[in-house]
Amino acid sequence: MTLLKKRALGLGIALVLAISGVAHAGKSYVDCDNCKGWNQPVKPFNIYGNTWYVGVNGLSSVLITSPLGHILVDGALPQSAALIEANIKALGFRIEDVKLIVNSHAHWDHAGGIAALARASGAVVAASASGAASLKSGTHGADDPQYYAHAPVRVPRVAKVRIVADNETLQVAPIGITAHMTPGHTPGSTTWSWTSCEQARCMNLVYADSLNPISRDGFLFTGKGNGPDISASFASSIAKVAALKCDIVLTAHPFLADILGKAAARTPQHNPFIDPEGCRNYAATASKLLGERVDRERGAR
């Protein structure tokens, strides 16, 4: 079993534990089995060029900077917002200069801190249509594979969200970030891509959204009873990520792309984040997991 496959399987177990272990969701705090470990502080670091990691131990948040304003990708847990803001400050940047916040998917562990970060910065928040609805309501909808009607997790609402379309590029002065709709993990899952340069060498960076077929008990990606068959569209999302121009892959949970390990291994002569096979490898693991899940669902009928 590859290291990436082990991480993916580990994520599935972690998410199931996290979901089943939710005790309460207050205005600025979510309690779950894994939240404390996920929310451990991490010293911020450079990934490449004007792209920086400002997230926490188990949940990514990425800052893309320019002299005329910054873009922030994801906000982790509600209680992560203060840590993300502190990391931005530690790098010498100002939260007030964040002009755009975008979201991969609106689960509480990736979107919970966005409302606080938007208030602190005054930034525009952008997401897919489904993601925007979840951000504005403070919880994800019944069509989400991880929706629990008996105990929905609620986080601070985002008052206003700009809806972004597939392949639309959002600009903050010289920075452009492009949305790629990759539904499956959630109906509104979005992968983001942009370019960062060091001197004359530019790289294509991809913040690949979660591609894991994780769900509540009883949900079927192949439909029958709980909704339409979304297995083919999920497979198309995985193929889309595999086909992106991708020199550096980043993931919503850092361990899926070994983000912290690569940071520790980086030297002035070698940047292990640069891996032109990263997106394809990530997608290949996801494709295998989805295939196994679909086979189990169809075999159980």
Protein backbone atom coordinates (compact mmCIF):
# COMPACT_ATOMS: atom_id res chain seq x y z
CA MET A 1 0.00 0.00 0.00
CA THR A 2 1.42 3.39 -0.98
CA LEU A 3 1.98 6.18 1.52
CA LEU A 4 -0.66 8.27 -0.25
CA LYS A 5 -3.18 5.43 -0.08
CA LYS A 6 -2.48 5.00 3.65
CA ARG A 7 -3.03 8.69 4.20
CA ALA A 8 -6.28 8.57 2.24
CA LEU A 9 -7.55 5.59 4.22
CA GLY A 10 -6.46 7.29 7.43
CA LEU A 11 -8.42 10.37 6.45
CA GLY A 12 -11.54 8.28 5.95
CA ILE A 13 -11.24 6.82 9.43
CA ALA A 14 -10.45 10.25 10.89
CA LEU A 15 -13.46 11.87 9.25
CA VAL A 16 -15.81 9.14 10.41
CA LEU A 17 -14.50 9.55 13.95
CA ALA A 18 -14.74 13.31 13.72
CA ILE A 19 -18.31 13.24 12.47
CA SER A 20 -19.50 10.66 14.99
CA GLY A 21 -17.69 12.48 17.80
CA VAL A 22 -19.26 15.91 17.34
CA ALA A 23 -20.55 17.02 20.72
CA HIS A 24 -21.59 20.57 19.99
CA ALA A 25 -20.96 23.44 17.65
CA GLY A 26 -20.94 26.83 19.33
CA LYS A 27 -20.66 30.17 17.61
CA SER A 28 -16.88 30.08 17.47
CA TYR A 29 -16.00 26.50 18.40
CA VAL A 30 -16.61 23.01 17.05
CA ASP A 31 -15.94 20.01 19.28
CA CYS A 32 -15.02 16.71 17.62
CA ASP A 33 -12.75 13.75 18.30
CA ASN A 34 -10.03 15.08 15.98
CA CYS A 35 -10.48 18.82 16.29
CA LYS A 36 -7.86 19.38 18.98
CA GLY A 37 -5.18 17.54 17.00
CA TRP A 38 -6.18 19.12 13.72
CA ASN A 39 -6.09 22.60 15.25
CA GLN A 40 -2.57 22.42 16.69
CA PRO A 41 -0.58 25.51 15.64
CA VAL A 42 1.95 25.26 12.82
CA LYS A 43 4.60 27.85 12.06
CA PRO A 44 3.72 29.36 8.67
CA PHE A 45 6.03 28.69 5.75
CA ASN A 46 6.62 29.38 2.09
CA ILE A 47 5.48 26.85 -0.49
CA TYR A 48 6.62 28.58 -3.66
CA GLY A 49 6.93 32.18 -4.75
CA ASN A 50 4.06 34.22 -3.32
CA THR A 51 2.23 31.16 -1.93
CA TRP A 52 2.36 30.48 1.82
CA TYR A 53 0.93 27.89 4.22
CA VAL A 54 -0.92 29.63 7.06
CA GLY A 55 -3.11 26.75 8.23
CA VAL A 56 -2.98 24.42 11.21
CA ASN A 57 -1.69 20.91 11.76
CA GLY A 58 -4.54 18.99 10.16
CA LEU A 59 -6.39 21.59 8.11
CA SER A 60 -4.90 23.65 5.30
CA SER A 61 -5.22 27.37 4.68
CA VAL A 62 -3.12 28.97 1.97
CA LEU A 63 -2.23 32.64 1.42
CA ILE A 64 -1.38 34.00 -2.04
CA THR A 65 0.15 37.44 -1.77
CA SER A 66 0.73 40.56 -3.84
CA PRO A 67 1.62 44.17 -3.06
CA LEU A 68 -1.96 45.14 -3.98
CA GLY A 69 -3.87 42.53 -1.97
CA HIS A 70 -3.96 38.86 -1.02
CA ILE A 71 -6.12 35.77 -1.55
CA LEU A 72 -6.83 33.25 1.23
CA VAL A 73 -7.92 29.69 0.47
CA ASP A 74 -10.03 27.99 3.21
CA GLY A 75 -10.59 28.88 6.84
CA ALA A 76 -10.43 25.55 8.72
CA LEU A 77 -12.41 25.32 12.00
CA PRO A 78 -14.08 28.31 13.68
CA GLN A 79 -11.40 28.12 16.38
CA SER A 80 -8.70 28.09 13.69
CA ALA A 81 -9.44 31.64 12.55
CA ALA A 82 -7.29 33.29 15.23
CA LEU A 83 -4.37 30.95 14.45
CA ILE A 84 -4.64 31.64 10.71
CA GLU A 85 -4.72 35.39 11.32
CA ALA A 86 -1.69 35.11 13.63
CA ASN A 87 0.19 33.13 10.98
CA ILE A 88 -0.55 35.79 8.37
CA LYS A 89 0.81 38.43 10.74
CA ALA A 90 3.88 36.33 11.59
CA LEU A 91 4.83 36.32 7.89
CA GLY A 92 4.75 40.11 7.85
CA PHE A 93 1.39 40.45 6.08
CA ARG A 94 -1.81 42.11 7.29
CA ILE A 95 -5.20 40.43 7.54
CA GLU A 96 -6.72 43.69 6.29
CA ASP A 97 -4.89 43.19 2.97
CA VAL A 98 -6.70 39.91 2.30
CA LYS A 99 -9.19 40.96 -0.39
CA LEU A 100 -10.64 37.56 -1.37
CA ILE A 101 -11.37 34.36 0.58
CA VAL A 102 -12.28 31.24 -1.40
CA ASN A 103 -13.51 27.89 -0.12
CA SER A 104 -12.86 24.33 -1.26
CA HIS A 105 -15.98 22.87 0.35
CA ALA A 106 -18.30 24.10 3.05
CA HIS A 107 -17.81 21.44 5.72
CA TRP A 108 -17.21 22.90 9.16
CA ASP A 109 -13.54 21.82 9.22
CA HIS A 110 -12.66 23.83 6.09
CA ALA A 111 -15.17 26.67 6.18
CA GLY A 112 -15.83 27.18 9.89
CA GLY A 113 -13.30 30.01 10.27
CA ILE A 114 -14.29 31.91 7.13
CA ALA A 115 -16.91 34.17 8.75
CA ALA A 116 -14.43 35.45 11.35
CA LEU A 117 -11.66 35.87 8.79
CA ALA A 118 -14.01 37.76 6.48
CA ARG A 119 -15.01 40.10 9.30
CA ALA A 120 -11.39 40.72 10.27
CA SER A 121 -10.26 41.39 6.72
CA GLY A 122 -13.32 42.83 5.01
CA ALA A 123 -12.61 40.40 2.15
CA VAL A 124 -15.06 39.18 -0.46
CA VAL A 125 -15.93 35.50 0.09
CA ALA A 126 -16.42 33.32 -3.00
CA ALA A 127 -17.60 29.74 -3.43
CA SER A 128 -19.61 27.47 -5.71
CA ALA A 129 -23.39 27.90 -5.74
CA SER A 130 -23.92 24.95 -3.38
CA GLY A 131 -21.00 26.01 -1.22
CA ALA A 132 -22.32 29.56 -1.01
CA ALA A 133 -25.70 28.31 0.23
CA SER A 134 -23.97 26.30 2.97
CA LEU A 135 -21.72 29.20 3.99
CA LYS A 136 -24.71 31.52 4.27
CA SER A 137 -26.76 29.01 6.27
CA GLY A 138 -23.90 27.92 8.53
CA THR A 139 -24.37 24.21 7.78
CA HIS A 140 -24.34 21.91 4.76
CA GLY A 141 -27.49 20.72 3.03
CA ALA A 142 -29.37 17.43 2.94
CA ASP A 143 -27.81 16.53 -0.43
CA ASP A 144 -24.36 16.38 1.18
CA PRO A 145 -23.02 12.81 1.67
CA GLN A 146 -22.03 13.77 5.23
CA TYR A 147 -25.29 15.49 6.22
CA TYR A 148 -26.69 14.31 9.56
CA ALA A 149 -30.28 15.44 9.96
CA HIS A 150 -30.38 14.55 13.66
CA ALA A 151 -27.25 16.53 14.58
CA PRO A 152 -26.24 19.11 11.98
CA VAL A 153 -23.06 20.99 12.84
CA ARG A 154 -23.55 24.74 12.69
CA VAL A 155 -20.79 27.33 12.37
CA PRO A 156 -20.89 31.13 12.05
CA ARG A 157 -22.71 32.20 8.90
CA VAL A 158 -21.11 34.23 6.13
CA ALA A 159 -23.51 37.05 5.34
CA LYS A 160 -22.60 37.54 1.70
CA VAL A 161 -20.95 35.09 -0.71
CA ARG A 162 -20.06 35.62 -4.34
CA ILE A 163 -21.00 32.60 -6.47
CA VAL A 164 -18.21 31.49 -8.77
CA ALA A 165 -18.72 29.45 -11.95
CA ASP A 166 -16.73 26.53 -13.30
CA ASN A 167 -13.47 27.73 -14.91
CA GLU A 168 -14.07 31.30 -13.74
CA THR A 169 -10.96 33.24 -12.73
CA LEU A 170 -11.19 35.73 -9.88
CA GLN A 171 -8.68 38.58 -9.77
CA VAL A 172 -7.08 40.45 -6.91
CA ALA A 173 -4.86 43.00 -8.64
CA PRO A 174 -2.12 40.91 -10.31
CA ILE A 175 -3.25 37.58 -8.79
CA GLY A 176 -5.73 35.32 -10.56
CA ILE A 177 -7.24 32.16 -9.07
CA THR A 178 -9.40 29.79 -11.12
CA ALA A 179 -12.29 27.66 -9.86
CA HIS A 180 -12.76 24.08 -11.09
CA MET A 181 -16.00 22.45 -9.98
CA THR A 182 -15.21 18.97 -8.64
CA PRO A 183 -18.43 17.73 -6.98
CA GLY A 184 -18.51 14.40 -5.21
CA HIS A 185 -17.12 14.78 -1.70
CA THR A 186 -19.74 17.52 -1.44
CA PRO A 187 -22.13 18.86 -4.09
CA GLY A 188 -20.22 22.16 -4.18
CA SER A 189 -16.65 20.90 -3.96
CA THR A 190 -14.25 23.22 -5.77
CA THR A 191 -10.61 22.81 -6.73
CA TRP A 192 -8.60 26.01 -7.20
CA SER A 193 -5.55 26.73 -9.38
CA TRP A 194 -3.18 29.66 -9.82
CA THR A 195 0.38 30.50 -10.86
CA SER A 196 3.24 31.50 -8.57
CA CYS A 197 6.68 32.61 -9.75
CA GLU A 198 10.17 32.78 -8.30
CA GLN A 199 12.24 35.10 -10.43
CA ALA A 200 11.59 33.86 -14.00
CA ARG A 201 10.39 30.37 -13.04
CA CYS A 202 6.61 30.04 -12.73
CA MET A 203 4.71 27.04 -11.39
CA ASN A 204 1.11 25.89 -11.70
CA LEU A 205 -0.31 25.32 -8.22
CA VAL A 206 -3.48 23.32 -7.54
CA TYR A 207 -5.39 23.30 -4.28
CA ALA A 208 -7.19 20.01 -4.89
CA ASP A 209 -10.38 19.62 -2.93
CA SER A 210 -11.12 16.42 -1.04
CA LEU A 211 -11.87 13.52 -3.40
CA ASN A 212 -12.64 10.93 -0.75
CA PRO A 213 -15.96 9.04 -0.94
CA ILE A 214 -16.72 9.53 2.75
CA SER A 215 -20.34 9.60 3.88
CA ARG A 216 -22.83 9.06 6.66
CA ASP A 217 -24.06 5.52 7.20
CA GLY A 218 -26.66 4.55 4.65
CA PHE A 219 -25.65 7.07 1.98
CA LEU A 220 -25.00 5.55 -1.44
CA PHE A 221 -22.93 7.33 -4.07
CA THR A 222 -24.71 5.04 -6.52
CA GLY A 223 -28.10 6.41 -5.46
CA LYS A 224 -31.13 4.17 -4.91
CA GLY A 225 -33.16 5.58 -2.06
CA ASN A 226 -31.03 8.50 -0.91
CA GLY A 227 -30.91 10.42 -4.19
CA PRO A 228 -29.41 10.24 -7.68
CA ASP A 229 -26.41 8.18 -8.69
CA ILE A 230 -23.48 10.61 -8.40
CA SER A 231 -20.70 8.07 -8.89
CA ALA A 232 -20.09 9.01 -12.55
CA SER A 233 -19.93 12.75 -11.84
CA PHE A 234 -17.60 12.05 -8.90
CA ALA A 235 -15.34 10.03 -11.23
CA SER A 236 -15.38 12.94 -13.70
CA SER A 237 -14.27 15.30 -10.93
CA ILE A 238 -11.33 13.04 -10.14
CA ALA A 239 -10.38 12.91 -13.82
CA LYS A 240 -10.58 16.71 -13.99
CA VAL A 241 -8.05 17.07 -11.16
CA ALA A 242 -5.75 14.55 -12.86
CA ALA A 243 -5.82 16.58 -16.10
CA LEU A 244 -5.05 20.00 -14.60
CA LYS A 245 -1.77 21.77 -15.25
CA CYS A 246 -0.13 20.96 -11.95
CA ASP A 247 3.45 21.40 -10.79
CA ILE A 248 2.55 21.62 -7.10
CA VAL A 249 -0.47 19.95 -5.50
CA LEU A 250 -1.89 21.11 -2.17
CA THR A 251 -4.80 19.48 -0.37
CA ALA A 252 -7.47 20.56 2.11
CA HIS A 253 -6.05 18.13 4.68
CA PRO A 254 -2.27 18.70 4.57
CA PHE A 255 -1.30 15.09 5.22
CA LEU A 256 -2.89 13.96 1.94
CA ALA A 257 -0.13 15.79 0.05
CA ASP A 258 2.45 15.51 2.85
CA ILE A 259 2.56 19.30 3.01
CA LEU A 260 4.19 19.49 6.44
CA GLY A 261 6.67 16.74 5.59
CA LYS A 262 7.70 18.52 2.41
CA ALA A 263 8.15 21.76 4.32
CA ALA A 264 10.44 20.02 6.81
CA ALA A 265 12.48 18.45 3.98
CA ARG A 266 12.88 21.65 1.98
CA THR A 267 16.38 23.06 1.50
CA PRO A 268 17.69 26.11 -0.41
CA GLN A 269 18.72 23.70 -3.19
CA HIS A 270 15.61 21.50 -3.28
CA ASN A 271 11.88 22.24 -3.05
CA PRO A 272 10.01 18.93 -2.63
CA PHE A 273 6.67 20.66 -3.23
CA ILE A 274 7.49 20.67 -6.94
CA ASP A 275 6.11 17.39 -8.29
CA PRO A 276 4.50 17.34 -11.75
CA GLU A 277 2.94 13.95 -10.93
CA GLY A 278 1.31 15.17 -7.72
CA CYS A 279 -2.19 15.80 -9.06
CA ARG A 280 -2.24 12.58 -11.07
CA ASN A 281 -1.07 10.54 -8.08
CA TYR A 282 -3.66 12.16 -5.82
CA ALA A 283 -6.39 11.50 -8.37
CA ALA A 284 -5.28 7.91 -8.94
CA THR A 285 -5.61 7.13 -5.24
CA ALA A 286 -9.03 8.80 -5.13
CA SER A 287 -10.17 6.88 -8.21
CA LYS A 288 -9.20 3.59 -6.60
CA LEU A 289 -11.05 4.45 -3.38
CA LEU A 290 -14.16 5.51 -5.27
CA GLY A 291 -14.06 2.35 -7.39
CA GLU A 292 -13.86 0.20 -4.29
CA ARG A 293 -16.75 2.08 -2.70
CA VAL A 294 -18.94 1.76 -5.81
CA ASP A 295 -18.17 -1.96 -6.07
CA ARG A 296 -19.19 -2.47 -2.43
CA GLU A 297 -22.42 -0.53 -2.90
CA ARG A 298 -23.43 -2.40 -6.04
CA GLY A 299 -22.35 -5.75 -4.64
CA ALA A 300 -24.53 -5.23 -1.57
CA ARG A 301 -27.73 -4.78 -3.61
